[in-house]
Amino acid sequence: MVDKKKTEVVELDGEKVKIKKGALRDMLGVPKSYKFNKTSLRRVNKTDIGKTFEFQGKRFKMTNLMKKRITLAITLMK
């Protein structure tokens, strides 16, 4: 089955970037109503790729894609 996530175009430094809406929420298993804050995302983003971390009481393994999505989320919060 193909994942048909809704995509959105965001402009960063004059360059248009296509992102999947809600992809980070799905990866971290939080509901749509959950609001991320910079502090918790920065703490998680310090985790090296391949290492495990805990977020909202759940354990995850940091992947390259997850790190990119977290970095993008922090950037878009500025």
C-alpha atoms as a PDB file:
ATOM      1  CA  MET A   1       0.000   0.000   0.000  1.00  0.00           C
ATOM      2  CA  VAL A   2       1.336   3.412  -0.982  1.00  0.00           C
ATOM      3  CA  ASP A   3       1.340   6.130   1.677  1.00  0.00           C
ATOM      4  CA  LYS A   4      -0.522   9.098   0.204  1.00  0.00           C
ATOM      5  CA  LYS A   5       0.370  11.798   2.722  1.00  0.00           C
ATOM      6  CA  LYS A   6      -0.707  15.330   2.010  1.00  0.00           C
ATOM      7  CA  THR A   7       2.290  17.348   0.847  1.00  0.00           C
ATOM      8  CA  GLU A   8       2.920  21.007   1.451  1.00  0.00           C
ATOM      9  CA  VAL A   9       5.374  23.429  -0.155  1.00  0.00           C
ATOM     10  CA  VAL A  10       7.445  25.546   2.239  1.00  0.00           C
ATOM     11  CA  GLU A  11       9.935  28.259   1.308  1.00  0.00           C
ATOM     12  CA  LEU A  12      13.312  28.177   3.072  1.00  0.00           C
ATOM     13  CA  ASP A  13      15.974  30.738   2.155  1.00  0.00           C
ATOM     14  CA  GLY A  14      14.232  31.450  -1.147  1.00  0.00           C
ATOM     15  CA  GLU A  15      14.125  27.767  -2.083  1.00  0.00           C
ATOM     16  CA  LYS A  16      10.847  25.850  -2.256  1.00  0.00           C
ATOM     17  CA  VAL A  17      10.841  22.536  -0.387  1.00  0.00           C
ATOM     18  CA  LYS A  18       8.121  19.863  -0.495  1.00  0.00           C
ATOM     19  CA  ILE A  19       7.312  18.219   2.844  1.00  0.00           C
ATOM     20  CA  LYS A  20       4.848  15.573   4.022  1.00  0.00           C
ATOM     21  CA  LYS A  21       2.420  17.116   6.462  1.00  0.00           C
ATOM     22  CA  GLY A  22       2.343  15.279   9.813  1.00  0.00           C
ATOM     23  CA  ALA A  23       5.219  12.931   8.953  1.00  0.00           C
ATOM     24  CA  LEU A  24       7.210  13.689  12.113  1.00  0.00           C
ATOM     25  CA  ARG A  25       4.110  13.212  14.261  1.00  0.00           C
ATOM     26  CA  ASP A  26       3.558   9.806  12.663  1.00  0.00           C
ATOM     27  CA  MET A  27       7.196   8.811  13.205  1.00  0.00           C
ATOM     28  CA  LEU A  28       7.076   9.771  16.882  1.00  0.00           C
ATOM     29  CA  GLY A  29       3.587   8.385  17.451  1.00  0.00           C
ATOM     30  CA  VAL A  30       2.002  11.531  18.848  1.00  0.00           C
ATOM     31  CA  PRO A  31      -1.577  12.665  18.113  1.00  0.00           C
ATOM     32  CA  LYS A  32      -2.362  15.500  15.694  1.00  0.00           C
ATOM     33  CA  SER A  33      -3.344  17.689  18.635  1.00  0.00           C
ATOM     34  CA  TYR A  34       0.181  17.472  20.147  1.00  0.00           C
ATOM     35  CA  LYS A  35       2.188  20.717  19.908  1.00  0.00           C
ATOM     36  CA  PHE A  36       5.958  20.304  19.600  1.00  0.00           C
ATOM     37  CA  ASN A  37       8.218  22.752  21.368  1.00  0.00           C
ATOM     38  CA  LYS A  38      11.760  23.733  20.429  1.00  0.00           C
ATOM     39  CA  THR A  39      13.262  22.547  23.715  1.00  0.00           C
ATOM     40  CA  SER A  40      12.127  18.944  23.385  1.00  0.00           C
ATOM     41  CA  LEU A  41      13.014  18.782  19.683  1.00  0.00           C
ATOM     42  CA  ARG A  42      16.504  20.225  20.286  1.00  0.00           C
ATOM     43  CA  ARG A  43      17.101  17.674  23.059  1.00  0.00           C
ATOM     44  CA  VAL A  44      16.074  14.812  20.753  1.00  0.00           C
ATOM     45  CA  ASN A  45      18.049  16.247  17.819  1.00  0.00           C
ATOM     46  CA  LYS A  46      21.296  15.906  19.816  1.00  0.00           C
ATOM     47  CA  THR A  47      20.953  12.110  19.540  1.00  0.00           C
ATOM     48  CA  ASP A  48      23.364  10.562  17.033  1.00  0.00           C
ATOM     49  CA  ILE A  49      22.035   8.512  14.114  1.00  0.00           C
ATOM     50  CA  GLY A  50      21.675   4.867  15.108  1.00  0.00           C
ATOM     51  CA  LYS A  51      21.332   5.601  18.846  1.00  0.00           C
ATOM     52  CA  THR A  52      18.116   5.212  20.810  1.00  0.00           C
ATOM     53  CA  PHE A  53      16.273   7.997  22.599  1.00  0.00           C
ATOM     54  CA  GLU A  54      13.088   8.436  24.589  1.00  0.00           C
ATOM     55  CA  PHE A  55      10.285  10.793  23.597  1.00  0.00           C
ATOM     56  CA  GLN A  56       6.977  11.005  25.458  1.00  0.00           C
ATOM     57  CA  GLY A  57       7.737   7.748  27.277  1.00  0.00           C
ATOM     58  CA  LYS A  58       8.419   5.796  24.074  1.00  0.00           C
ATOM     59  CA  ARG A  59      11.809   4.569  22.829  1.00  0.00           C
ATOM     60  CA  PHE A  60      12.915   5.281  19.260  1.00  0.00           C
ATOM     61  CA  LYS A  61      16.010   4.730  17.160  1.00  0.00           C
ATOM     62  CA  MET A  62      17.310   7.880  15.462  1.00  0.00           C
ATOM     63  CA  THR A  63      17.356   7.494  11.693  1.00  0.00           C
ATOM     64  CA  ASN A  64      18.760   9.830   9.071  1.00  0.00           C
ATOM     65  CA  LEU A  65      15.249  10.735   7.890  1.00  0.00           C
ATOM     66  CA  MET A  66      14.006  11.368  11.429  1.00  0.00           C
ATOM     67  CA  LYS A  67      16.981  13.665  12.126  1.00  0.00           C
ATOM     68  CA  LYS A  68      16.240  15.636   8.939  1.00  0.00           C
ATOM     69  CA  ARG A  69      12.564  16.003   9.842  1.00  0.00           C
ATOM     70  CA  ILE A  70      13.359  17.152  13.386  1.00  0.00           C
ATOM     71  CA  THR A  71      15.893  19.685  12.082  1.00  0.00           C
ATOM     72  CA  LEU A  72      13.334  20.988   9.592  1.00  0.00           C
ATOM     73  CA  ALA A  73      10.692  21.298  12.322  1.00  0.00           C
ATOM     74  CA  ILE A  74      13.085  23.328  14.494  1.00  0.00           C
ATOM     75  CA  THR A  75      13.938  25.544  11.514  1.00  0.00           C
ATOM     76  CA  LEU A  76      10.274  26.167  10.698  1.00  0.00           C
ATOM     77  CA  MET A  77       9.569  27.163  14.320  1.00  0.00           C
ATOM     78  CA  LYS A  78      11.942  30.146  14.081  1.00  0.00           C
END
